[in-house]
Amino acid sequence: MEGFTKKLLVLLINFYQVFLSFDKGILAVFAPGGACKYEISCSEYTKRKIGDVGVLVGVGLGLKRIWSCR
């Protein structure tokens, strides 16, 4: 079940990055220079952490990073 959840979350993050992100997606037009203060965007960081440490810890670390952003 974890494998399916991991793939689903990564798919949702990819969708967000392409269509909704102010850093990489279509909405980047409205935030010149990007919206994230981190070099690797919060969504990319979360996606990598999900792959490295699992779904629960990865999502938790991603949320912690998002909350510390602008």
PDB file of N, CA and C in Angstrom:
ATOM      1  N   MET A   1       0.820  -1.206   0.000  1.00  0.00           N
ATOM      2  CA  MET A   1       0.000   0.000   0.000  1.00  0.00           C
ATOM      3  C   MET A   1       0.855   1.257   0.000  1.00  0.00           C
ATOM      4  N   GLU A   2       1.987   1.200   0.699  1.00  0.00           N
ATOM      5  CA  GLU A   2       2.870   2.374   0.754  1.00  0.00           C
ATOM      6  C   GLU A   2       3.372   2.744  -0.638  1.00  0.00           C
ATOM      7  N   GLY A   3       3.672   1.741  -1.464  1.00  0.00           N
ATOM      8  CA  GLY A   3       4.154   2.001  -2.817  1.00  0.00           C
ATOM      9  C   GLY A   3       3.129   2.766  -3.647  1.00  0.00           C
ATOM     10  N   PHE A   4       1.862   2.376  -3.537  1.00  0.00           N
ATOM     11  CA  PHE A   4       0.796   3.069  -4.255  1.00  0.00           C
ATOM     12  C   PHE A   4       0.645   4.496  -3.750  1.00  0.00           C
ATOM     13  N   THR A   5       0.670   4.664  -2.430  1.00  0.00           N
ATOM     14  CA  THR A   5       0.537   5.990  -1.832  1.00  0.00           C
ATOM     15  C   THR A   5       1.691   6.889  -2.252  1.00  0.00           C
ATOM     16  N   LYS A   6       2.889   6.337  -2.247  1.00  0.00           N
ATOM     17  CA  LYS A   6       4.073   7.103  -2.649  1.00  0.00           C
ATOM     18  C   LYS A   6       3.948   7.558  -4.102  1.00  0.00           C
ATOM     19  N   LYS A   7       3.541   6.646  -4.982  1.00  0.00           N
ATOM     20  CA  LYS A   7       3.390   6.989  -6.404  1.00  0.00           C
ATOM     21  C   LYS A   7       2.298   8.028  -6.608  1.00  0.00           C
ATOM     22  N   LEU A   8       1.198   7.899  -5.867  1.00  0.00           N
ATOM     23  CA  LEU A   8       0.101   8.849  -5.985  1.00  0.00           C
ATOM     24  C   LEU A   8       0.534  10.245  -5.531  1.00  0.00           C
ATOM     25  N   LEU A   9       1.223  10.323  -4.407  1.00  0.00           N
ATOM     26  CA  LEU A   9       1.682  11.621  -3.916  1.00  0.00           C
ATOM     27  C   LEU A   9       2.677  12.269  -4.868  1.00  0.00           C
ATOM     28  N   VAL A  10       3.592  11.492  -5.405  1.00  0.00           N
ATOM     29  CA  VAL A  10       4.561  12.027  -6.367  1.00  0.00           C
ATOM     30  C   VAL A  10       3.837  12.512  -7.625  1.00  0.00           C
ATOM     31  N   LEU A  11       2.830  11.774  -8.076  1.00  0.00           N
ATOM     32  CA  LEU A  11       2.032  12.186  -9.225  1.00  0.00           C
ATOM     33  C   LEU A  11       1.304  13.503  -8.947  1.00  0.00           C
ATOM     34  N   LEU A  12       0.731  13.638  -7.761  1.00  0.00           N
ATOM     35  CA  LEU A  12       0.044  14.881  -7.394  1.00  0.00           C
ATOM     36  C   LEU A  12       1.022  16.050  -7.298  1.00  0.00           C
ATOM     37  N   ILE A  13       2.204  15.803  -6.764  1.00  0.00           N
ATOM     38  CA  ILE A  13       3.212  16.867  -6.681  1.00  0.00           C
ATOM     39  C   ILE A  13       3.656  17.272  -8.083  1.00  0.00           C
ATOM     40  N   ASN A  14       3.841  16.296  -8.975  1.00  0.00           N
ATOM     41  CA  ASN A  14       4.204  16.615 -10.362  1.00  0.00           C
ATOM     42  C   ASN A  14       3.129  17.463 -11.024  1.00  0.00           C
ATOM     43  N   PHE A  15       1.864  17.115 -10.819  1.00  0.00           N
ATOM     44  CA  PHE A  15       0.751  17.902 -11.353  1.00  0.00           C
ATOM     45  C   PHE A  15       0.818  19.327 -10.816  1.00  0.00           C
ATOM     46  N   TYR A  16       1.017  19.457  -9.513  1.00  0.00           N
ATOM     47  CA  TYR A  16       1.131  20.785  -8.902  1.00  0.00           C
ATOM     48  C   TYR A  16       2.278  21.579  -9.527  1.00  0.00           C
ATOM     49  N   GLN A  17       3.435  20.937  -9.695  1.00  0.00           N
ATOM     50  CA  GLN A  17       4.599  21.631 -10.237  1.00  0.00           C
ATOM     51  C   GLN A  17       4.356  22.127 -11.665  1.00  0.00           C
ATOM     52  N   VAL A  18       3.652  21.348 -12.467  1.00  0.00           N
ATOM     53  CA  VAL A  18       3.427  21.727 -13.864  1.00  0.00           C
ATOM     54  C   VAL A  18       2.324  22.775 -14.007  1.00  0.00           C
ATOM     55  N   PHE A  19       1.256  22.639 -13.237  1.00  0.00           N
ATOM     56  CA  PHE A  19       0.092  23.478 -13.467  1.00  0.00           C
ATOM     57  C   PHE A  19      -0.148  24.575 -12.433  1.00  0.00           C
ATOM     58  N   LEU A  20       0.261  24.414 -11.201  1.00  0.00           N
ATOM     59  CA  LEU A  20      -0.119  25.357 -10.154  1.00  0.00           C
ATOM     60  C   LEU A  20       1.037  26.101  -9.500  1.00  0.00           C
ATOM     61  N   SER A  21       2.235  25.620  -9.660  1.00  0.00           N
ATOM     62  CA  SER A  21       3.381  26.185  -8.948  1.00  0.00           C
ATOM     63  C   SER A  21       3.724  27.591  -9.442  1.00  0.00           C
ATOM     64  N   PHE A  22       4.032  28.477  -8.504  1.00  0.00           N
ATOM     65  CA  PHE A  22       4.495  29.814  -8.844  1.00  0.00           C
ATOM     66  C   PHE A  22       5.981  29.820  -9.189  1.00  0.00           C
ATOM     67  N   ASP A  23       6.667  28.695  -8.998  1.00  0.00           N
ATOM     68  CA  ASP A  23       8.081  28.599  -9.327  1.00  0.00           C
ATOM     69  C   ASP A  23       8.330  27.962 -10.686  1.00  0.00           C
ATOM     70  N   LYS A  24       7.635  26.863 -10.978  1.00  0.00           N
ATOM     71  CA  LYS A  24       7.898  26.099 -12.196  1.00  0.00           C
ATOM     72  C   LYS A  24       6.710  26.033 -13.140  1.00  0.00           C
ATOM     73  N   GLY A  25       5.530  26.195 -12.629  1.00  0.00           N
ATOM     74  CA  GLY A  25       4.330  25.938 -13.409  1.00  0.00           C
ATOM     75  C   GLY A  25       3.852  27.119 -14.215  1.00  0.00           C
ATOM     76  N   ILE A  26       2.641  26.987 -14.702  1.00  0.00           N
ATOM     77  CA  ILE A  26       2.018  28.014 -15.527  1.00  0.00           C
ATOM     78  C   ILE A  26       1.883  29.325 -14.760  1.00  0.00           C
ATOM     79  N   LEU A  27       1.657  29.253 -13.469  1.00  0.00           N
ATOM     80  CA  LEU A  27       1.459  30.456 -12.661  1.00  0.00           C
ATOM     81  C   LEU A  27       2.757  31.207 -12.361  1.00  0.00           C
ATOM     82  N   ALA A  28       3.882  30.721 -12.838  1.00  0.00           N
ATOM     83  CA  ALA A  28       5.169  31.388 -12.614  1.00  0.00           C
ATOM     84  C   ALA A  28       5.187  32.789 -13.230  1.00  0.00           C
ATOM     85  N   VAL A  29       4.294  33.041 -14.161  1.00  0.00           N
ATOM     86  CA  VAL A  29       4.191  34.361 -14.787  1.00  0.00           C
ATOM     87  C   VAL A  29       3.854  35.422 -13.744  1.00  0.00           C
ATOM     88  N   PHE A  30       3.135  35.017 -12.707  1.00  0.00           N
ATOM     89  CA  PHE A  30       2.691  35.968 -11.692  1.00  0.00           C
ATOM     90  C   PHE A  30       3.706  36.173 -10.567  1.00  0.00           C
ATOM     91  N   ALA A  31       4.778  35.412 -10.568  1.00  0.00           N
ATOM     92  CA  ALA A  31       5.802  35.539  -9.525  1.00  0.00           C
ATOM     93  C   ALA A  31       7.197  35.524 -10.173  1.00  0.00           C
ATOM     94  N   PRO A  32       7.560  36.624 -10.832  1.00  0.00           N
ATOM     95  CA  PRO A  32       8.890  36.659 -11.460  1.00  0.00           C
ATOM     96  C   PRO A  32       9.979  36.418 -10.421  1.00  0.00           C
ATOM     97  N   GLY A  33      10.902  35.563 -10.734  1.00  0.00           N
ATOM     98  CA  GLY A  33      11.960  35.235  -9.783  1.00  0.00           C
ATOM     99  C   GLY A  33      11.589  34.096  -8.862  1.00  0.00           C
ATOM    100  N   GLY A  34      10.372  33.611  -8.966  1.00  0.00           N
ATOM    101  CA  GLY A  34       9.945  32.490  -8.138  1.00  0.00           C
ATOM    102  C   GLY A  34       9.330  32.930  -6.830  1.00  0.00           C
ATOM    103  N   ALA A  35       8.634  32.023  -6.208  1.00  0.00           N
ATOM    104  CA  ALA A  35       7.951  32.322  -4.958  1.00  0.00           C
ATOM    105  C   ALA A  35       8.623  31.669  -3.763  1.00  0.00           C
ATOM    106  N   CYS A  36       9.469  30.693  -3.990  1.00  0.00           N
ATOM    107  CA  CYS A  36      10.093  29.955  -2.894  1.00  0.00           C
ATOM    108  C   CYS A  36      11.453  30.552  -2.558  1.00  0.00           C
ATOM    109  N   LYS A  37      11.741  30.664  -1.273  1.00  0.00           N
ATOM    110  CA  LYS A  37      13.028  31.230  -0.873  1.00  0.00           C
ATOM    111  C   LYS A  37      14.145  30.194  -0.900  1.00  0.00           C
ATOM    112  N   TYR A  38      13.791  28.931  -1.042  1.00  0.00           N
ATOM    113  CA  TYR A  38      14.790  27.867  -1.041  1.00  0.00           C
ATOM    114  C   TYR A  38      15.261  27.563  -2.463  1.00  0.00           C
ATOM    115  N   GLU A  39      16.492  27.088  -2.572  1.00  0.00           N
ATOM    116  CA  GLU A  39      17.059  26.781  -3.881  1.00  0.00           C
ATOM    117  C   GLU A  39      16.326  25.617  -4.545  1.00  0.00           C
ATOM    118  N   ILE A  40      16.055  24.576  -3.809  1.00  0.00           N
ATOM    119  CA  ILE A  40      15.182  23.512  -4.299  1.00  0.00           C
ATOM    120  C   ILE A  40      13.791  23.845  -3.766  1.00  0.00           C
ATOM    121  N   SER A  41      12.816  23.911  -4.657  1.00  0.00           N
ATOM    122  CA  SER A  41      11.477  24.307  -4.221  1.00  0.00           C
ATOM    123  C   SER A  41      10.944  23.347  -3.160  1.00  0.00           C
ATOM    124  N   CYS A  42       9.985  23.816  -2.415  1.00  0.00           N
ATOM    125  CA  CYS A  42       9.395  22.994  -1.348  1.00  0.00           C
ATOM    126  C   CYS A  42       8.739  21.733  -1.913  1.00  0.00           C
ATOM    127  N   SER A  43       8.118  21.856  -3.068  1.00  0.00           N
ATOM    128  CA  SER A  43       7.474  20.678  -3.657  1.00  0.00           C
ATOM    129  C   SER A  43       8.513  19.655  -4.111  1.00  0.00           C
ATOM    130  N   GLU A  44       9.612  20.117  -4.689  1.00  0.00           N
ATOM    131  CA  GLU A  44      10.672  19.198  -5.106  1.00  0.00           C
ATOM    132  C   GLU A  44      11.330  18.548  -3.891  1.00  0.00           C
ATOM    133  N   TYR A  45      11.542  19.324  -2.836  1.00  0.00           N
ATOM    134  CA  TYR A  45      12.108  18.801  -1.591  1.00  0.00           C
ATOM    135  C   TYR A  45      11.203  17.707  -1.018  1.00  0.00           C
ATOM    136  N   THR A  46       9.905  17.982  -0.981  1.00  0.00           N
ATOM    137  CA  THR A  46       8.945  17.007  -0.451  1.00  0.00           C
ATOM    138  C   THR A  46       8.957  15.733  -1.282  1.00  0.00           C
ATOM    139  N   LYS A  47       8.983  15.878  -2.598  1.00  0.00           N
ATOM    140  CA  LYS A  47       9.009  14.721  -3.492  1.00  0.00           C
ATOM    141  C   LYS A  47      10.255  13.878  -3.239  1.00  0.00           C
ATOM    142  N   ARG A  48      11.385  14.511  -3.079  1.00  0.00           N
ATOM    143  CA  ARG A  48      12.630  13.777  -2.815  1.00  0.00           C
ATOM    144  C   ARG A  48      12.597  13.088  -1.455  1.00  0.00           C
ATOM    145  N   LYS A  49      12.073  13.777  -0.444  1.00  0.00           N
ATOM    146  CA  LYS A  49      12.012  13.182   0.894  1.00  0.00           C
ATOM    147  C   LYS A  49      11.057  12.004   0.943  1.00  0.00           C
ATOM    148  N   ILE A  50       9.957  12.078   0.218  1.00  0.00           N
ATOM    149  CA  ILE A  50       9.039  10.940   0.154  1.00  0.00           C
ATOM    150  C   ILE A  50       9.769   9.725  -0.404  1.00  0.00           C
ATOM    151  N   GLY A  51      10.584   9.935  -1.418  1.00  0.00           N
ATOM    152  CA  GLY A  51      11.360   8.837  -1.998  1.00  0.00           C
ATOM    153  C   GLY A  51      12.445   8.331  -1.065  1.00  0.00           C
ATOM    154  N   ASP A  52      13.051   9.218  -0.279  1.00  0.00           N
ATOM    155  CA  ASP A  52      14.169   8.843   0.597  1.00  0.00           C
ATOM    156  C   ASP A  52      13.733   8.178   1.896  1.00  0.00           C
ATOM    157  N   VAL A  53      12.754   8.779   2.581  1.00  0.00           N
ATOM    158  CA  VAL A  53      12.435   8.329   3.945  1.00  0.00           C
ATOM    159  C   VAL A  53      11.020   7.799   4.112  1.00  0.00           C
ATOM    160  N   GLY A  54      10.230   7.793   3.048  1.00  0.00           N
ATOM    161  CA  GLY A  54       8.876   7.273   3.145  1.00  0.00           C
ATOM    162  C   GLY A  54       7.832   8.370   3.162  1.00  0.00           C
ATOM    163  N   VAL A  55       6.595   7.939   3.089  1.00  0.00           N
ATOM    164  CA  VAL A  55       5.481   8.863   2.927  1.00  0.00           C
ATOM    165  C   VAL A  55       5.263   9.744   4.159  1.00  0.00           C
ATOM    166  N   LEU A  56       5.089   9.146   5.320  1.00  0.00           N
ATOM    167  CA  LEU A  56       4.748   9.934   6.510  1.00  0.00           C
ATOM    168  C   LEU A  56       5.844  10.922   6.889  1.00  0.00           C
ATOM    169  N   VAL A  57       7.058  10.455   6.970  1.00  0.00           N
ATOM    170  CA  VAL A  57       8.166  11.337   7.352  1.00  0.00           C
ATOM    171  C   VAL A  57       8.417  12.362   6.250  1.00  0.00           C
ATOM    172  N   GLY A  58       8.372  11.929   4.989  1.00  0.00           N
ATOM    173  CA  GLY A  58       8.603  12.838   3.866  1.00  0.00           C
ATOM    174  C   GLY A  58       7.592  13.962   3.802  1.00  0.00           C
ATOM    175  N   VAL A  59       6.316  13.629   3.975  1.00  0.00           N
ATOM    176  CA  VAL A  59       5.272  14.654   3.970  1.00  0.00           C
ATOM    177  C   VAL A  59       5.439  15.573   5.179  1.00  0.00           C
ATOM    178  N   GLY A  60       5.774  15.010   6.326  1.00  0.00           N
ATOM    179  CA  GLY A  60       5.997  15.831   7.518  1.00  0.00           C
ATOM    180  C   GLY A  60       7.137  16.808   7.324  1.00  0.00           C
ATOM    181  N   LEU A  61       8.250  16.349   6.767  1.00  0.00           N
ATOM    182  CA  LEU A  61       9.382  17.237   6.506  1.00  0.00           C
ATOM    183  C   LEU A  61       9.028  18.297   5.463  1.00  0.00           C
ATOM    184  N   GLY A  62       8.258  17.897   4.464  1.00  0.00           N
ATOM    185  CA  GLY A  62       7.826  18.852   3.447  1.00  0.00           C
ATOM    186  C   GLY A  62       6.935  19.933   4.025  1.00  0.00           C
ATOM    187  N   LEU A  63       5.980  19.537   4.870  1.00  0.00           N
ATOM    188  CA  LEU A  63       5.106  20.525   5.509  1.00  0.00           C
ATOM    189  C   LEU A  63       5.885  21.465   6.430  1.00  0.00           C
ATOM    190  N   LYS A  64       6.841  20.919   7.141  1.00  0.00           N
ATOM    191  CA  LYS A  64       7.678  21.755   8.009  1.00  0.00           C
ATOM    192  C   LYS A  64       8.420  22.805   7.194  1.00  0.00           C
ATOM    193  N   ARG A  65       8.936  22.398   6.045  1.00  0.00           N
ATOM    194  CA  ARG A  65       9.656  23.336   5.175  1.00  0.00           C
ATOM    195  C   ARG A  65       8.717  24.366   4.574  1.00  0.00           C
ATOM    196  N   ILE A  66       7.524  23.936   4.157  1.00  0.00           N
ATOM    197  CA  ILE A  66       6.548  24.878   3.596  1.00  0.00           C
ATOM    198  C   ILE A  66       6.161  25.939   4.640  1.00  0.00           C
ATOM    199  N   TRP A  67       5.957  25.505   5.878  1.00  0.00           N
ATOM    200  CA  TRP A  67       5.588  26.436   6.934  1.00  0.00           C
ATOM    201  C   TRP A  67       6.709  27.440   7.253  1.00  0.00           C
ATOM    202  N   SER A  68       7.957  27.068   6.974  1.00  0.00           N
ATOM    203  CA  SER A  68       9.057  27.983   7.263  1.00  0.00           C
ATOM    204  C   SER A  68       9.344  28.913   6.078  1.00  0.00           C
ATOM    205  N   CYS A  69       8.641  28.724   4.979  1.00  0.00           N
ATOM    206  CA  CYS A  69       8.845  29.553   3.797  1.00  0.00           C
ATOM    207  C   CYS A  69       8.128  30.886   3.977  1.00  0.00           C
ATOM    208  N   ARG A  70       8.240  31.739   2.989  1.00  0.00           N
ATOM    209  CA  ARG A  70       7.653  33.083   3.056  1.00  0.00           C
ATOM    210  C   ARG A  70       6.213  33.007   3.402  1.00  0.00           C
TER     211      ARG A  70
END
